[in-house]
């Protein structure tokens, strides 16, 4: 499947450029460009807008907001229980001010992470693998989720800087932690696709994804 090969090459180039080559300000721009390229590729391969998860607004938005509410509830519980706060103590966060936090959440996370990942792994790749909007098909979904785990190869290198991870796996070799993080991302990919499937659009999973990442970062700043 030439379209799949081109999509994978696009994603490989995107993650290398974003994580190793480009300056920080270009991170969301890289994600935006890659997402556009993937959508054009999916359309050129004959995938309908619906199967790409890019048709419709009301249902995806409502399902996504419901998921965001559940995520916010979990965050609230974790914040209220002191023993759980170490989950948000992450050495990668630093000490951002309000302006920097807005840039990180609404710039880097929204465009550099959520947009490219939802378009790629819950939209274009499943469709190229044969998934359709009206049926849950394990093969394409698991294949896209496995690639989602592999996509986290570079980001997972720093997973040990999370306080909870360090406390639980402090003596574990870094490569094992990296593999565990990638596996967890793959499992999360299946979960995120459930939101996309239920909402009939990537907007649903994108809202849940953004709430999880941006909310987690905001809490990490608050409890540091």
C-alpha atoms as a PDB file:
ATOM      1  CA  UNK A   1       0.000   0.000   0.000  1.00  0.00           C
ATOM      2  CA  UNK A   2       1.937   3.058  -1.219  1.00  0.00           C
ATOM      3  CA  UNK A   3      -0.287   5.464   0.730  1.00  0.00           C
ATOM      4  CA  UNK A   4       0.539   3.701   4.009  1.00  0.00           C
ATOM      5  CA  UNK A   5       4.268   3.862   3.263  1.00  0.00           C
ATOM      6  CA  UNK A   6       4.079   7.576   2.469  1.00  0.00           C
ATOM      7  CA  UNK A   7       2.038   8.189   5.634  1.00  0.00           C
ATOM      8  CA  UNK A   8       4.593   6.357   7.783  1.00  0.00           C
ATOM      9  CA  UNK A   9       7.482   8.242   6.180  1.00  0.00           C
ATOM     10  CA  UNK A  10       5.644  11.513   6.814  1.00  0.00           C
ATOM     11  CA  UNK A  11       5.161  10.624  10.480  1.00  0.00           C
ATOM     12  CA  UNK A  12       8.777   9.479  10.874  1.00  0.00           C
ATOM     13  CA  UNK A  13      10.048  12.731   9.388  1.00  0.00           C
ATOM     14  CA  UNK A  14       7.652  14.725  11.553  1.00  0.00           C
ATOM     15  CA  UNK A  15       8.677  13.175  14.863  1.00  0.00           C
ATOM     16  CA  UNK A  16      12.412  13.437  14.084  1.00  0.00           C
ATOM     17  CA  UNK A  17      12.098  17.056  12.996  1.00  0.00           C
ATOM     18  CA  UNK A  18       9.897  18.000  15.965  1.00  0.00           C
ATOM     19  CA  UNK A  19      11.936  16.233  18.639  1.00  0.00           C
ATOM     20  CA  UNK A  20      15.499  16.499  17.360  1.00  0.00           C
ATOM     21  CA  UNK A  21      15.899  19.154  14.663  1.00  0.00           C
ATOM     22  CA  UNK A  22      13.477  22.086  14.754  1.00  0.00           C
ATOM     23  CA  UNK A  23      13.460  24.825  17.421  1.00  0.00           C
ATOM     24  CA  UNK A  24      10.684  24.731  20.008  1.00  0.00           C
ATOM     25  CA  UNK A  25       8.579  27.422  18.340  1.00  0.00           C
ATOM     26  CA  UNK A  26       8.302  25.276  15.185  1.00  0.00           C
ATOM     27  CA  UNK A  27       6.939  22.212  17.011  1.00  0.00           C
ATOM     28  CA  UNK A  28       3.217  23.023  16.524  1.00  0.00           C
ATOM     29  CA  UNK A  29       3.835  24.183  12.949  1.00  0.00           C
ATOM     30  CA  UNK A  30       5.451  20.845  12.150  1.00  0.00           C
ATOM     31  CA  UNK A  31       2.437  19.011  13.573  1.00  0.00           C
ATOM     32  CA  UNK A  32       0.005  21.175  11.623  1.00  0.00           C
ATOM     33  CA  UNK A  33       1.812  20.680   8.306  1.00  0.00           C
ATOM     34  CA  UNK A  34       2.110  16.919   8.850  1.00  0.00           C
ATOM     35  CA  UNK A  35      -1.607  16.670   9.682  1.00  0.00           C
ATOM     36  CA  UNK A  36      -2.548  18.507   6.486  1.00  0.00           C
ATOM     37  CA  UNK A  37      -0.270  16.268   4.412  1.00  0.00           C
ATOM     38  CA  UNK A  38      -1.825  13.147   5.948  1.00  0.00           C
ATOM     39  CA  UNK A  39      -5.384  14.314   5.302  1.00  0.00           C
ATOM     40  CA  UNK A  40      -4.533  15.080   1.670  1.00  0.00           C
ATOM     41  CA  UNK A  41      -2.896  11.677   1.395  1.00  0.00           C
ATOM     42  CA  UNK A  42      -5.958   9.940   2.827  1.00  0.00           C
ATOM     43  CA  UNK A  43      -8.248  11.734   0.401  1.00  0.00           C
ATOM     44  CA  UNK A  44      -5.936  10.951  -2.532  1.00  0.00           C
ATOM     45  CA  UNK A  45      -6.091   7.278  -1.518  1.00  0.00           C
ATOM     46  CA  UNK A  46      -9.893   7.382  -1.780  1.00  0.00           C
ATOM     47  CA  UNK A  47     -10.811   7.522   1.917  1.00  0.00           C
ATOM     48  CA  UNK A  48     -14.154   9.327   2.510  1.00  0.00           C
ATOM     49  CA  UNK A  49     -14.247  12.235   4.963  1.00  0.00           C
ATOM     50  CA  UNK A  50     -16.436  10.161   7.292  1.00  0.00           C
ATOM     51  CA  UNK A  51     -13.935   7.296   7.492  1.00  0.00           C
ATOM     52  CA  UNK A  52     -11.173   9.819   8.158  1.00  0.00           C
ATOM     53  CA  UNK A  53     -13.231  11.048  11.115  1.00  0.00           C
ATOM     54  CA  UNK A  54     -13.467  14.542   9.672  1.00  0.00           C
ATOM     55  CA  UNK A  55     -17.160  14.846   8.899  1.00  0.00           C
ATOM     56  CA  UNK A  56     -19.692  16.119  11.407  1.00  0.00           C
ATOM     57  CA  UNK A  57     -19.340  18.342  14.445  1.00  0.00           C
ATOM     58  CA  UNK A  58     -22.209  18.120  16.926  1.00  0.00           C
ATOM     59  CA  UNK A  59     -21.961  14.468  17.972  1.00  0.00           C
ATOM     60  CA  UNK A  60     -18.121  14.400  18.127  1.00  0.00           C
ATOM     61  CA  UNK A  61     -18.136  17.600  20.182  1.00  0.00           C
ATOM     62  CA  UNK A  62     -20.743  16.325  22.655  1.00  0.00           C
ATOM     63  CA  UNK A  63     -19.047  12.960  23.112  1.00  0.00           C
ATOM     64  CA  UNK A  64     -15.682  14.655  23.453  1.00  0.00           C
ATOM     65  CA  UNK A  65     -16.960  17.079  26.079  1.00  0.00           C
ATOM     66  CA  UNK A  66     -18.478  14.180  28.036  1.00  0.00           C
ATOM     67  CA  UNK A  67     -15.082  12.480  27.984  1.00  0.00           C
ATOM     68  CA  UNK A  68     -13.383  15.700  29.021  1.00  0.00           C
ATOM     69  CA  UNK A  69     -15.729  15.878  32.008  1.00  0.00           C
ATOM     70  CA  UNK A  70     -14.690  12.388  33.094  1.00  0.00           C
ATOM     71  CA  UNK A  71     -11.017  13.277  32.728  1.00  0.00           C
ATOM     72  CA  UNK A  72     -11.558  16.437  34.792  1.00  0.00           C
ATOM     73  CA  UNK A  73     -13.262  14.343  37.490  1.00  0.00           C
ATOM     74  CA  UNK A  74     -10.277  11.978  37.649  1.00  0.00           C
ATOM     75  CA  UNK A  75      -7.914  14.941  37.863  1.00  0.00           C
ATOM     76  CA  UNK A  76      -9.977  16.440  40.648  1.00  0.00           C
ATOM     77  CA  UNK A  77      -9.844  13.218  42.653  1.00  0.00           C
ATOM     78  CA  UNK A  78      -6.094  12.900  42.140  1.00  0.00           C
ATOM     79  CA  UNK A  79      -5.573  16.503  43.205  1.00  0.00           C
ATOM     80  CA  UNK A  80      -7.705  16.007  46.329  1.00  0.00           C
ATOM     81  CA  UNK A  81      -5.793  12.922  47.472  1.00  0.00           C
ATOM     82  CA  UNK A  82      -2.256  13.905  48.616  1.00  0.00           C
ATOM     83  CA  UNK A  83      -0.872  10.415  48.007  1.00  0.00           C
ATOM     84  CA  UNK A  84      -1.763  10.677  44.323  1.00  0.00           C
ATOM     85  CA  UNK A  85      -0.130  14.035  43.691  1.00  0.00           C
ATOM     86  CA  UNK A  86       3.252  12.486  42.892  1.00  0.00           C
ATOM     87  CA  UNK A  87       1.701  11.402  39.592  1.00  0.00           C
ATOM     88  CA  UNK A  88       1.908  15.038  38.499  1.00  0.00           C
ATOM     89  CA  UNK A  89       5.414  15.737  39.786  1.00  0.00           C
ATOM     90  CA  UNK A  90       7.323  15.715  36.531  1.00  0.00           C
ATOM     91  CA  UNK A  91      10.841  17.050  36.043  1.00  0.00           C
ATOM     92  CA  UNK A  92      10.068  17.828  32.398  1.00  0.00           C
ATOM     93  CA  UNK A  93       7.587  20.567  33.347  1.00  0.00           C
ATOM     94  CA  UNK A  94      10.021  23.222  34.548  1.00  0.00           C
ATOM     95  CA  UNK A  95       8.638  26.456  35.978  1.00  0.00           C
ATOM     96  CA  UNK A  96       6.504  28.135  33.266  1.00  0.00           C
ATOM     97  CA  UNK A  97       4.660  31.390  33.883  1.00  0.00           C
ATOM     98  CA  UNK A  98       1.078  31.968  32.708  1.00  0.00           C
ATOM     99  CA  UNK A  99       2.092  33.035  29.200  1.00  0.00           C
ATOM    100  CA  UNK A 100       4.405  30.057  28.785  1.00  0.00           C
ATOM    101  CA  UNK A 101       1.733  27.704  30.088  1.00  0.00           C
ATOM    102  CA  UNK A 102      -0.734  29.028  27.510  1.00  0.00           C
ATOM    103  CA  UNK A 103       1.863  28.513  24.791  1.00  0.00           C
ATOM    104  CA  UNK A 104       2.562  24.961  25.959  1.00  0.00           C
ATOM    105  CA  UNK A 105      -1.108  23.974  26.160  1.00  0.00           C
ATOM    106  CA  UNK A 106      -2.706  25.905  23.299  1.00  0.00           C
ATOM    107  CA  UNK A 107       0.342  25.853  21.041  1.00  0.00           C
ATOM    108  CA  UNK A 108       2.579  22.847  21.500  1.00  0.00           C
ATOM    109  CA  UNK A 109       0.013  20.411  22.903  1.00  0.00           C
ATOM    110  CA  UNK A 110      -2.954  21.403  20.752  1.00  0.00           C
ATOM    111  CA  UNK A 111      -1.175  21.618  17.387  1.00  0.00           C
ATOM    112  CA  UNK A 112       2.091  19.792  17.943  1.00  0.00           C
ATOM    113  CA  UNK A 113       0.645  16.798  19.771  1.00  0.00           C
ATOM    114  CA  UNK A 114      -3.139  16.444  19.713  1.00  0.00           C
ATOM    115  CA  UNK A 115      -3.834  17.535  16.132  1.00  0.00           C
ATOM    116  CA  UNK A 116      -1.198  15.398  14.430  1.00  0.00           C
ATOM    117  CA  UNK A 117      -1.793  12.350  16.641  1.00  0.00           C
ATOM    118  CA  UNK A 118      -5.574  12.320  16.322  1.00  0.00           C
ATOM    119  CA  UNK A 119      -5.544  12.974  12.584  1.00  0.00           C
ATOM    120  CA  UNK A 120      -2.853  10.341  12.035  1.00  0.00           C
ATOM    121  CA  UNK A 121      -3.689   7.542  14.464  1.00  0.00           C
ATOM    122  CA  UNK A 122      -7.456   7.870  14.882  1.00  0.00           C
ATOM    123  CA  UNK A 123      -8.211   9.168  11.397  1.00  0.00           C
ATOM    124  CA  UNK A 124      -5.926   8.598   8.430  1.00  0.00           C
ATOM    125  CA  UNK A 125      -4.007   5.431   9.347  1.00  0.00           C
ATOM    126  CA  UNK A 126      -7.048   3.400  10.471  1.00  0.00           C
ATOM    127  CA  UNK A 127      -8.837   4.424   7.261  1.00  0.00           C
ATOM    128  CA  UNK A 128      -5.845   3.438   5.135  1.00  0.00           C
ATOM    129  CA  UNK A 129      -5.750   0.104   6.966  1.00  0.00           C
ATOM    130  CA  UNK A 130      -9.412  -0.499   6.085  1.00  0.00           C
ATOM    131  CA  UNK A 131     -11.379   0.864   9.062  1.00  0.00           C
ATOM    132  CA  UNK A 132     -14.766   2.428   8.394  1.00  0.00           C
ATOM    133  CA  UNK A 133     -16.770   4.889  10.438  1.00  0.00           C
ATOM    134  CA  UNK A 134     -19.751   2.597  11.011  1.00  0.00           C
ATOM    135  CA  UNK A 135     -17.960  -0.541  12.284  1.00  0.00           C
ATOM    136  CA  UNK A 136     -15.410  -1.352  14.965  1.00  0.00           C
ATOM    137  CA  UNK A 137     -12.670  -3.346  13.241  1.00  0.00           C
ATOM    138  CA  UNK A 138      -9.939  -4.609  15.542  1.00  0.00           C
ATOM    139  CA  UNK A 139      -7.276  -5.153  12.879  1.00  0.00           C
ATOM    140  CA  UNK A 140      -6.947  -1.569  11.600  1.00  0.00           C
ATOM    141  CA  UNK A 141      -7.504  -0.104  15.066  1.00  0.00           C
ATOM    142  CA  UNK A 142      -4.841  -2.241  16.774  1.00  0.00           C
ATOM    143  CA  UNK A 143      -2.397  -1.631  13.904  1.00  0.00           C
ATOM    144  CA  UNK A 144      -2.824   2.137  14.234  1.00  0.00           C
ATOM    145  CA  UNK A 145      -2.566   1.892  18.042  1.00  0.00           C
ATOM    146  CA  UNK A 146       0.681  -0.112  17.769  1.00  0.00           C
ATOM    147  CA  UNK A 147       2.117   2.592  15.532  1.00  0.00           C
ATOM    148  CA  UNK A 148       0.924   5.167  18.068  1.00  0.00           C
ATOM    149  CA  UNK A 149       3.020   3.377  20.678  1.00  0.00           C
ATOM    150  CA  UNK A 150       6.029   3.371  18.345  1.00  0.00           C
ATOM    151  CA  UNK A 151       5.447   7.094  17.672  1.00  0.00           C
ATOM    152  CA  UNK A 152       6.326   7.687  21.354  1.00  0.00           C
ATOM    153  CA  UNK A 153       9.821   6.203  20.962  1.00  0.00           C
ATOM    154  CA  UNK A 154      11.612   9.546  21.345  1.00  0.00           C
ATOM    155  CA  UNK A 155       9.289  11.200  23.924  1.00  0.00           C
ATOM    156  CA  UNK A 156       9.432   8.043  26.092  1.00  0.00           C
ATOM    157  CA  UNK A 157      13.166   8.537  26.610  1.00  0.00           C
ATOM    158  CA  UNK A 158      12.391  11.054  29.387  1.00  0.00           C
ATOM    159  CA  UNK A 159       9.614   9.103  31.129  1.00  0.00           C
ATOM    160  CA  UNK A 160      11.848   8.399  34.159  1.00  0.00           C
ATOM    161  CA  UNK A 161      11.750  12.079  35.127  1.00  0.00           C
ATOM    162  CA  UNK A 162       8.171  11.666  36.362  1.00  0.00           C
ATOM    163  CA  UNK A 163       8.239  11.339  40.173  1.00  0.00           C
ATOM    164  CA  UNK A 164       5.633   8.562  40.339  1.00  0.00           C
ATOM    165  CA  UNK A 165       7.373   6.577  37.611  1.00  0.00           C
ATOM    166  CA  UNK A 166      10.738   7.034  39.304  1.00  0.00           C
ATOM    167  CA  UNK A 167       9.318   5.941  42.673  1.00  0.00           C
ATOM    168  CA  UNK A 168       7.757   2.806  41.176  1.00  0.00           C
ATOM    169  CA  UNK A 169      10.485   1.861  38.689  1.00  0.00           C
ATOM    170  CA  UNK A 170      13.547   3.720  39.950  1.00  0.00           C
ATOM    171  CA  UNK A 171      15.963   0.820  39.434  1.00  0.00           C
ATOM    172  CA  UNK A 172      14.444  -0.309  36.147  1.00  0.00           C
ATOM    173  CA  UNK A 173      16.718   0.106  33.107  1.00  0.00           C
ATOM    174  CA  UNK A 174      15.809   3.099  30.948  1.00  0.00           C
ATOM    175  CA  UNK A 175      15.176   0.950  27.888  1.00  0.00           C
ATOM    176  CA  UNK A 176      12.597  -1.109  29.817  1.00  0.00           C
ATOM    177  CA  UNK A 177      10.843   2.059  30.985  1.00  0.00           C
ATOM    178  CA  UNK A 178      10.810   3.274  27.402  1.00  0.00           C
ATOM    179  CA  UNK A 179       9.223   0.034  26.181  1.00  0.00           C
ATOM    180  CA  UNK A 180       6.643   0.164  28.976  1.00  0.00           C
ATOM    181  CA  UNK A 181       5.780   3.761  28.094  1.00  0.00           C
ATOM    182  CA  UNK A 182       5.387   2.875  24.414  1.00  0.00           C
ATOM    183  CA  UNK A 183       3.192  -0.100  25.312  1.00  0.00           C
ATOM    184  CA  UNK A 184       1.029   2.103  27.528  1.00  0.00           C
ATOM    185  CA  UNK A 185       0.707   4.594  24.673  1.00  0.00           C
ATOM    186  CA  UNK A 186      -0.415   1.785  22.366  1.00  0.00           C
ATOM    187  CA  UNK A 187      -3.098   0.692  24.828  1.00  0.00           C
ATOM    188  CA  UNK A 188      -4.166   4.314  25.203  1.00  0.00           C
ATOM    189  CA  UNK A 189      -4.440   4.459  21.411  1.00  0.00           C
ATOM    190  CA  UNK A 190      -7.149   1.788  21.438  1.00  0.00           C
ATOM    191  CA  UNK A 191      -8.957   3.640  24.230  1.00  0.00           C
ATOM    192  CA  UNK A 192      -8.762   6.927  22.337  1.00  0.00           C
ATOM    193  CA  UNK A 193     -10.112   5.261  19.218  1.00  0.00           C
ATOM    194  CA  UNK A 194     -13.149   4.170  21.247  1.00  0.00           C
ATOM    195  CA  UNK A 195     -13.925   7.835  21.849  1.00  0.00           C
ATOM    196  CA  UNK A 196     -13.399   8.616  18.174  1.00  0.00           C
ATOM    197  CA  UNK A 197     -15.654   5.697  17.183  1.00  0.00           C
ATOM    198  CA  UNK A 198     -18.366   6.565  19.700  1.00  0.00           C
ATOM    199  CA  UNK A 199     -18.320  10.214  18.683  1.00  0.00           C
ATOM    200  CA  UNK A 200     -18.085   9.399  14.972  1.00  0.00           C
ATOM    201  CA  UNK A 201     -15.205  11.799  14.506  1.00  0.00           C
ATOM    202  CA  UNK A 202     -11.664  12.591  15.595  1.00  0.00           C
ATOM    203  CA  UNK A 203     -12.913  15.748  17.294  1.00  0.00           C
ATOM    204  CA  UNK A 204     -14.272  13.541  20.092  1.00  0.00           C
ATOM    205  CA  UNK A 205     -10.944  11.865  20.811  1.00  0.00           C
ATOM    206  CA  UNK A 206      -9.089  15.152  20.236  1.00  0.00           C
ATOM    207  CA  UNK A 207     -11.075  16.877  22.996  1.00  0.00           C
ATOM    208  CA  UNK A 208     -10.374  14.016  25.417  1.00  0.00           C
ATOM    209  CA  UNK A 209      -6.724  13.951  24.376  1.00  0.00           C
ATOM    210  CA  UNK A 210      -6.287  17.705  24.809  1.00  0.00           C
ATOM    211  CA  UNK A 211      -8.012  17.689  28.197  1.00  0.00           C
ATOM    212  CA  UNK A 212      -5.767  14.862  29.382  1.00  0.00           C
ATOM    213  CA  UNK A 213      -2.492  16.379  28.218  1.00  0.00           C
ATOM    214  CA  UNK A 214      -3.196  20.055  28.896  1.00  0.00           C
ATOM    215  CA  UNK A 215      -4.935  19.287  32.188  1.00  0.00           C
ATOM    216  CA  UNK A 216      -2.099  17.026  33.300  1.00  0.00           C
ATOM    217  CA  UNK A 217       0.474  19.695  32.474  1.00  0.00           C
ATOM    218  CA  UNK A 218      -1.513  22.394  34.288  1.00  0.00           C
ATOM    219  CA  UNK A 219      -1.812  20.215  37.401  1.00  0.00           C
ATOM    220  CA  UNK A 220       1.891  19.400  37.237  1.00  0.00           C
ATOM    221  CA  UNK A 221       2.630  23.130  37.313  1.00  0.00           C
ATOM    222  CA  UNK A 222       0.200  23.693  40.199  1.00  0.00           C
ATOM    223  CA  UNK A 223       1.605  20.941  42.436  1.00  0.00           C
ATOM    224  CA  UNK A 224       5.316  21.413  41.671  1.00  0.00           C
END
